[in-house]
């Protein structure tokens, strides 16, 4: 039995190019790496995933994608973004709102919906039995959950690394190297030395491009996929009808999100849940 794990930074629109990274997790815990992260558009990503599935006889597939996978609100933020946004802002970060008025990304003809439909749609997180599951994740939130933030004398919670080369006013090469090296360290610990070496080499780039960041984010998505596939505790934030985000569990982050639910008048037990990925794809929540 083999599980194909995929990290996909989609770039959100038809014209932009994202990136994908993959690995196969075997029942004995060993990993087969599938090469370095590569740049893809939506249609290419679907082809690559199907090729990996066939080549490695994957009995199940877990795709963690950096793009809102359920968007039903016409404007503003999704409820999950209302919950998550303060934790991001607290660390000097920002979060893009997802709504159907952003037609290139989330309108009826947006390319992501065809990609999702090809793999059975956004996975039903609890009790799902699909052989291929696509779940929304968020690298920024994973960075917080994994403790990869940087010290900030004005922010007790620290700050998010500024590692997007496209944002020239805020980009810091030291932050870029930090995220690359934390990703490399995690991948090496998970048994993916070649991907770890790619990330370590990326850390030494003097002038990384946006395409490099896309590939790095795909690796961070893959880190989260490995975390889930190895049955470690993860956080489910949001709901199944208006959108949710999945990242590794973190007590600090979880407490912040629960407090935010209280501020919004939402029951945290319904909106912030700890779970482990169960057999044949199901997720089992535990009582907090």
Protein backbone atom coordinates (compact mmCIF):
# COMPACT_ATOMS: atom_id res chain seq x y z
CA UNK A 1 0.00 0.00 0.00
CA UNK A 2 1.30 3.43 -0.93
CA UNK A 3 -0.05 6.92 -0.31
CA UNK A 4 0.78 9.66 -2.77
CA UNK A 5 1.32 12.97 -0.98
CA UNK A 6 1.17 16.23 -2.92
CA UNK A 7 1.87 19.83 -1.98
CA UNK A 8 0.39 22.24 -4.51
CA UNK A 9 0.89 26.01 -4.54
CA UNK A 10 -1.67 26.77 -7.22
CA UNK A 11 -1.07 30.51 -7.90
CA UNK A 12 -4.91 30.82 -7.91
CA UNK A 13 -5.55 32.01 -11.52
CA UNK A 14 -5.43 30.53 -15.02
CA UNK A 15 -2.60 32.67 -16.35
CA UNK A 16 -0.19 32.39 -13.42
CA UNK A 17 2.11 29.45 -12.85
CA UNK A 18 2.24 27.66 -9.51
CA UNK A 19 4.32 24.75 -8.26
CA UNK A 20 3.91 21.16 -7.11
CA UNK A 21 5.94 18.78 -4.94
CA UNK A 22 5.28 15.12 -4.26
CA UNK A 23 6.36 12.04 -2.34
CA UNK A 24 5.07 8.52 -1.78
CA UNK A 25 4.63 7.26 1.78
CA UNK A 26 4.80 3.49 2.15
CA UNK A 27 3.25 1.40 4.91
CA UNK A 28 6.65 0.79 6.49
CA UNK A 29 7.13 4.55 6.88
CA UNK A 30 9.69 4.88 4.10
CA UNK A 31 9.37 7.61 1.50
CA UNK A 32 9.95 7.61 -2.23
CA UNK A 33 10.77 11.11 -3.41
CA UNK A 34 9.39 12.29 -6.74
CA UNK A 35 12.01 14.81 -7.74
CA UNK A 36 12.38 18.49 -6.91
CA UNK A 37 9.34 20.79 -6.87
CA UNK A 38 8.35 21.86 -10.37
CA UNK A 39 6.38 24.72 -11.85
CA UNK A 40 2.88 23.90 -13.13
CA UNK A 41 -0.41 25.39 -14.24
CA UNK A 42 -3.67 23.80 -13.12
CA UNK A 43 -3.98 21.43 -16.08
CA UNK A 44 -0.33 20.39 -15.78
CA UNK A 45 -0.74 19.77 -12.05
CA UNK A 46 -3.63 17.37 -12.68
CA UNK A 47 -1.57 15.51 -15.29
CA UNK A 48 1.42 15.24 -12.96
CA UNK A 49 -0.72 13.91 -10.10
CA UNK A 50 -2.36 11.28 -12.31
CA UNK A 51 1.02 10.23 -13.69
CA UNK A 52 2.37 9.84 -10.14
CA UNK A 53 -0.70 7.85 -9.12
CA UNK A 54 -0.25 5.44 -12.01
CA UNK A 55 3.54 5.16 -11.80
CA UNK A 56 3.55 4.35 -8.10
CA UNK A 57 0.30 2.35 -7.87
CA UNK A 58 -0.94 4.69 -5.15
CA UNK A 59 -3.84 3.22 -3.20
CA UNK A 60 -4.73 6.70 -1.90
CA UNK A 61 -3.74 10.28 -2.62
CA UNK A 62 -3.65 13.28 -0.30
CA UNK A 63 -3.31 16.71 -1.91
CA UNK A 64 -2.79 19.77 0.27
CA UNK A 65 -3.35 22.86 -1.81
CA UNK A 66 -2.63 26.48 -1.01
CA UNK A 67 -5.89 27.89 -2.35
CA UNK A 68 -9.38 28.31 -0.88
CA UNK A 69 -11.23 25.16 -1.89
CA UNK A 70 -14.72 26.14 -0.72
CA UNK A 71 -15.88 29.69 -1.50
CA UNK A 72 -19.59 30.48 -1.28
CA UNK A 73 -19.57 34.10 -0.03
CA UNK A 74 -20.10 36.83 -2.63
CA UNK A 75 -17.87 39.41 -0.96
CA UNK A 76 -15.63 39.99 2.05
CA UNK A 77 -13.90 37.20 3.91
CA UNK A 78 -14.97 33.65 4.53
CA UNK A 79 -15.79 32.80 8.17
CA UNK A 80 -12.54 30.82 8.46
CA UNK A 81 -10.61 33.92 7.40
CA UNK A 82 -12.37 35.98 10.07
CA UNK A 83 -11.05 33.46 12.59
CA UNK A 84 -7.51 33.09 11.24
CA UNK A 85 -6.73 36.65 10.12
CA UNK A 86 -5.94 38.14 13.59
CA UNK A 87 -3.31 35.45 14.26
CA UNK A 88 -1.66 36.34 10.96
CA UNK A 89 -1.91 40.10 11.55
CA UNK A 90 -0.55 39.72 15.09
CA UNK A 91 2.67 38.48 13.48
CA UNK A 92 2.91 41.27 10.89
CA UNK A 93 1.29 39.25 8.11
CA UNK A 94 -1.69 39.70 5.82
CA UNK A 95 -4.35 37.35 4.46
CA UNK A 96 -6.13 37.67 1.12
CA UNK A 97 -9.94 37.40 1.30
CA UNK A 98 -11.65 34.76 -0.82
CA UNK A 99 -15.00 35.59 -2.39
CA UNK A 100 -16.82 34.91 -5.64
CA UNK A 101 -16.52 38.53 -6.79
CA UNK A 102 -12.86 37.73 -7.45
CA UNK A 103 -13.99 35.98 -10.60
CA UNK A 104 -10.60 34.95 -12.00
CA UNK A 105 -9.91 33.05 -8.79
CA UNK A 106 -13.32 31.97 -7.50
CA UNK A 107 -15.97 32.75 -10.14
CA UNK A 108 -17.84 29.95 -11.92
CA UNK A 109 -15.21 29.72 -14.69
CA UNK A 110 -12.18 29.80 -12.39
CA UNK A 111 -9.74 27.00 -13.30
CA UNK A 112 -9.49 25.64 -9.77
CA UNK A 113 -13.00 24.20 -9.87
CA UNK A 114 -12.16 22.00 -12.87
CA UNK A 115 -9.02 20.81 -11.08
CA UNK A 116 -11.04 19.98 -7.96
CA UNK A 117 -13.78 18.23 -9.92
CA UNK A 118 -11.17 15.98 -11.52
CA UNK A 119 -10.29 14.64 -8.07
CA UNK A 120 -13.76 14.40 -6.56
CA UNK A 121 -14.05 17.97 -5.28
CA UNK A 122 -12.95 19.41 -1.97
CA UNK A 123 -12.73 16.43 0.39
CA UNK A 124 -15.29 15.87 3.11
CA UNK A 125 -12.92 16.08 6.08
CA UNK A 126 -14.71 13.90 8.65
CA UNK A 127 -15.82 10.47 7.54
CA UNK A 128 -14.50 11.00 4.00
CA UNK A 129 -13.77 7.78 2.12
CA UNK A 130 -12.43 9.11 -1.18
CA UNK A 131 -9.27 7.48 -2.44
CA UNK A 132 -8.10 10.95 -3.51
CA UNK A 133 -8.61 13.82 -1.08
CA UNK A 134 -7.90 17.48 -1.76
CA UNK A 135 -7.69 19.64 1.37
CA UNK A 136 -7.02 23.35 1.70
CA UNK A 137 -3.96 24.38 3.65
CA UNK A 138 -2.16 27.70 4.18
CA UNK A 139 1.66 27.91 4.34
CA UNK A 140 1.58 31.08 6.45
CA UNK A 141 -0.56 29.38 9.09
CA UNK A 142 1.65 26.28 8.91
CA UNK A 143 4.70 28.48 9.56
CA UNK A 144 2.99 29.77 12.71
CA UNK A 145 1.91 26.28 13.80
CA UNK A 146 5.37 24.80 13.24
CA UNK A 147 7.08 27.57 15.21
CA UNK A 148 9.02 29.01 12.27
CA UNK A 149 8.27 32.64 13.14
CA UNK A 150 11.08 35.07 13.94
CA UNK A 151 11.69 37.17 17.08
CA UNK A 152 10.23 40.68 17.14
CA UNK A 153 10.80 43.02 20.09
CA UNK A 154 7.41 44.64 19.51
CA UNK A 155 5.44 41.42 19.00
CA UNK A 156 5.44 38.82 21.82
CA UNK A 157 4.22 36.20 19.33
CA UNK A 158 7.08 37.01 16.96
CA UNK A 159 6.71 37.90 13.31
CA UNK A 160 6.20 36.04 10.07
CA UNK A 161 9.21 35.82 7.75
CA UNK A 162 9.09 38.20 4.79
CA UNK A 163 10.13 35.72 2.12
CA UNK A 164 8.09 36.73 -0.95
CA UNK A 165 10.59 38.18 -3.49
CA UNK A 166 7.74 39.85 -5.38
CA UNK A 167 7.16 42.23 -2.47
CA UNK A 168 10.39 44.14 -2.80
CA UNK A 169 9.71 46.67 -0.06
CA UNK A 170 9.38 44.03 2.64
CA UNK A 171 11.36 41.07 1.31
CA UNK A 172 14.39 40.09 3.42
CA UNK A 173 16.98 37.64 2.11
CA UNK A 174 17.71 36.44 5.66
CA UNK A 175 14.01 35.58 6.09
CA UNK A 176 14.06 33.71 2.78
CA UNK A 177 17.03 31.64 3.93
CA UNK A 178 15.32 30.98 7.27
CA UNK A 179 12.16 29.54 5.70
CA UNK A 180 14.19 27.46 3.25
CA UNK A 181 16.32 26.00 6.02
CA UNK A 182 13.37 25.26 8.31
CA UNK A 183 11.67 23.50 5.39
CA UNK A 184 14.87 21.58 4.64
CA UNK A 185 15.27 20.52 8.27
CA UNK A 186 11.68 19.27 8.42
CA UNK A 187 11.88 17.36 5.13
CA UNK A 188 15.16 15.73 6.16
CA UNK A 189 13.58 14.62 9.45
CA UNK A 190 10.62 13.16 7.54
CA UNK A 191 12.91 11.03 5.35
CA UNK A 192 13.02 13.17 2.20
CA UNK A 193 16.73 14.07 1.88
CA UNK A 194 16.64 15.09 -1.79
CA UNK A 195 13.83 17.58 -1.28
CA UNK A 196 15.65 18.76 1.84
CA UNK A 197 18.77 19.32 -0.25
CA UNK A 198 16.74 21.31 -2.79
CA UNK A 199 15.47 23.60 -0.03
CA UNK A 200 18.95 23.98 1.46
CA UNK A 201 20.33 24.97 -1.94
CA UNK A 202 17.45 27.43 -2.42
CA UNK A 203 18.48 29.07 0.87
CA UNK A 204 21.77 30.13 -0.72
CA UNK A 205 20.21 31.96 -3.67
CA UNK A 206 21.29 35.60 -3.70
CA UNK A 207 18.27 36.74 -5.70
CA UNK A 208 15.38 34.27 -5.45
CA UNK A 209 12.46 34.80 -7.82
CA UNK A 210 8.72 34.47 -7.20
CA UNK A 211 8.87 31.09 -8.94
CA UNK A 212 11.35 29.95 -6.28
CA UNK A 213 8.93 30.98 -3.56
CA UNK A 214 6.10 29.10 -5.27
CA UNK A 215 8.22 25.95 -5.23
CA UNK A 216 9.14 26.53 -1.59
CA UNK A 217 5.46 26.96 -0.67
CA UNK A 218 4.67 23.70 -2.47
CA UNK A 219 7.26 22.05 -0.21
CA UNK A 220 5.65 23.61 2.87
CA UNK A 221 2.29 22.21 1.72
CA UNK A 222 4.01 18.83 1.37
CA UNK A 223 5.37 19.16 4.92
CA UNK A 224 1.77 19.51 6.12
CA UNK A 225 0.71 16.54 3.98
CA UNK A 226 3.43 14.39 5.55
CA UNK A 227 2.30 15.52 9.00
CA UNK A 228 -1.27 14.40 8.30
CA UNK A 229 -0.33 11.19 6.52
CA UNK A 230 1.82 10.09 9.47
CA UNK A 231 -1.28 10.33 11.69
CA UNK A 232 -0.05 13.25 13.77
CA UNK A 233 -2.48 15.69 15.29
CA UNK A 234 -3.57 18.52 13.04
CA UNK A 235 -5.88 21.51 13.24
CA UNK A 236 -9.11 21.83 11.31
CA UNK A 237 -10.25 25.47 11.31
CA UNK A 238 -13.55 26.56 9.77
CA UNK A 239 -16.50 24.51 8.57
CA UNK A 240 -17.37 22.14 5.76
CA UNK A 241 -19.92 24.41 4.07
CA UNK A 242 -18.20 27.83 4.06
CA UNK A 243 -14.56 26.77 3.95
CA UNK A 244 -11.83 25.38 6.16
CA UNK A 245 -8.04 25.28 6.51
CA UNK A 246 -5.92 22.35 7.69
CA UNK A 247 -2.44 22.72 9.25
CA UNK A 248 -0.33 20.87 11.86
CA UNK A 249 -1.61 21.24 15.41
CA UNK A 250 -0.11 23.87 17.71
CA UNK A 251 -1.34 24.59 21.21
CA UNK A 252 -0.41 28.27 20.97
CA UNK A 253 -2.18 28.76 17.66
CA UNK A 254 -5.16 26.67 18.73
CA UNK A 255 -5.64 28.77 21.85
CA UNK A 256 -5.54 31.97 19.80
CA UNK A 257 -8.11 30.64 17.36
CA UNK A 258 -10.39 29.49 20.16
CA UNK A 259 -10.18 32.94 21.76
CA UNK A 260 -11.01 34.50 18.42
CA UNK A 261 -14.09 32.27 18.10
CA UNK A 262 -15.25 33.53 21.50
CA UNK A 263 -14.83 37.13 20.30
CA UNK A 264 -16.92 36.34 17.22
CA UNK A 265 -19.60 34.50 19.19
CA UNK A 266 -18.83 31.17 17.52
CA UNK A 267 -18.57 27.86 19.36
CA UNK A 268 -14.90 26.98 19.21
CA UNK A 269 -15.71 23.26 19.51
CA UNK A 270 -17.33 23.46 16.07
CA UNK A 271 -14.85 25.79 14.38
CA UNK A 272 -11.45 24.73 15.76
CA UNK A 273 -10.91 21.00 16.02
CA UNK A 274 -7.95 18.70 16.54
CA UNK A 275 -7.94 15.55 14.42
CA UNK A 276 -5.82 12.73 13.12
CA UNK A 277 -6.12 11.44 9.58
CA UNK A 278 -7.73 8.03 9.94
CA UNK A 279 -7.54 4.93 7.81
CA UNK A 280 -8.77 5.06 4.20
CA UNK A 281 -8.82 8.81 4.37
CA UNK A 282 -11.23 9.50 7.20
CA UNK A 283 -10.47 12.11 9.83
CA UNK A 284 -11.18 11.45 13.47
CA UNK A 285 -11.68 14.46 15.72
CA UNK A 286 -10.79 14.28 19.37
CA UNK A 287 -12.32 16.15 22.27
CA UNK A 288 -10.24 19.07 23.44
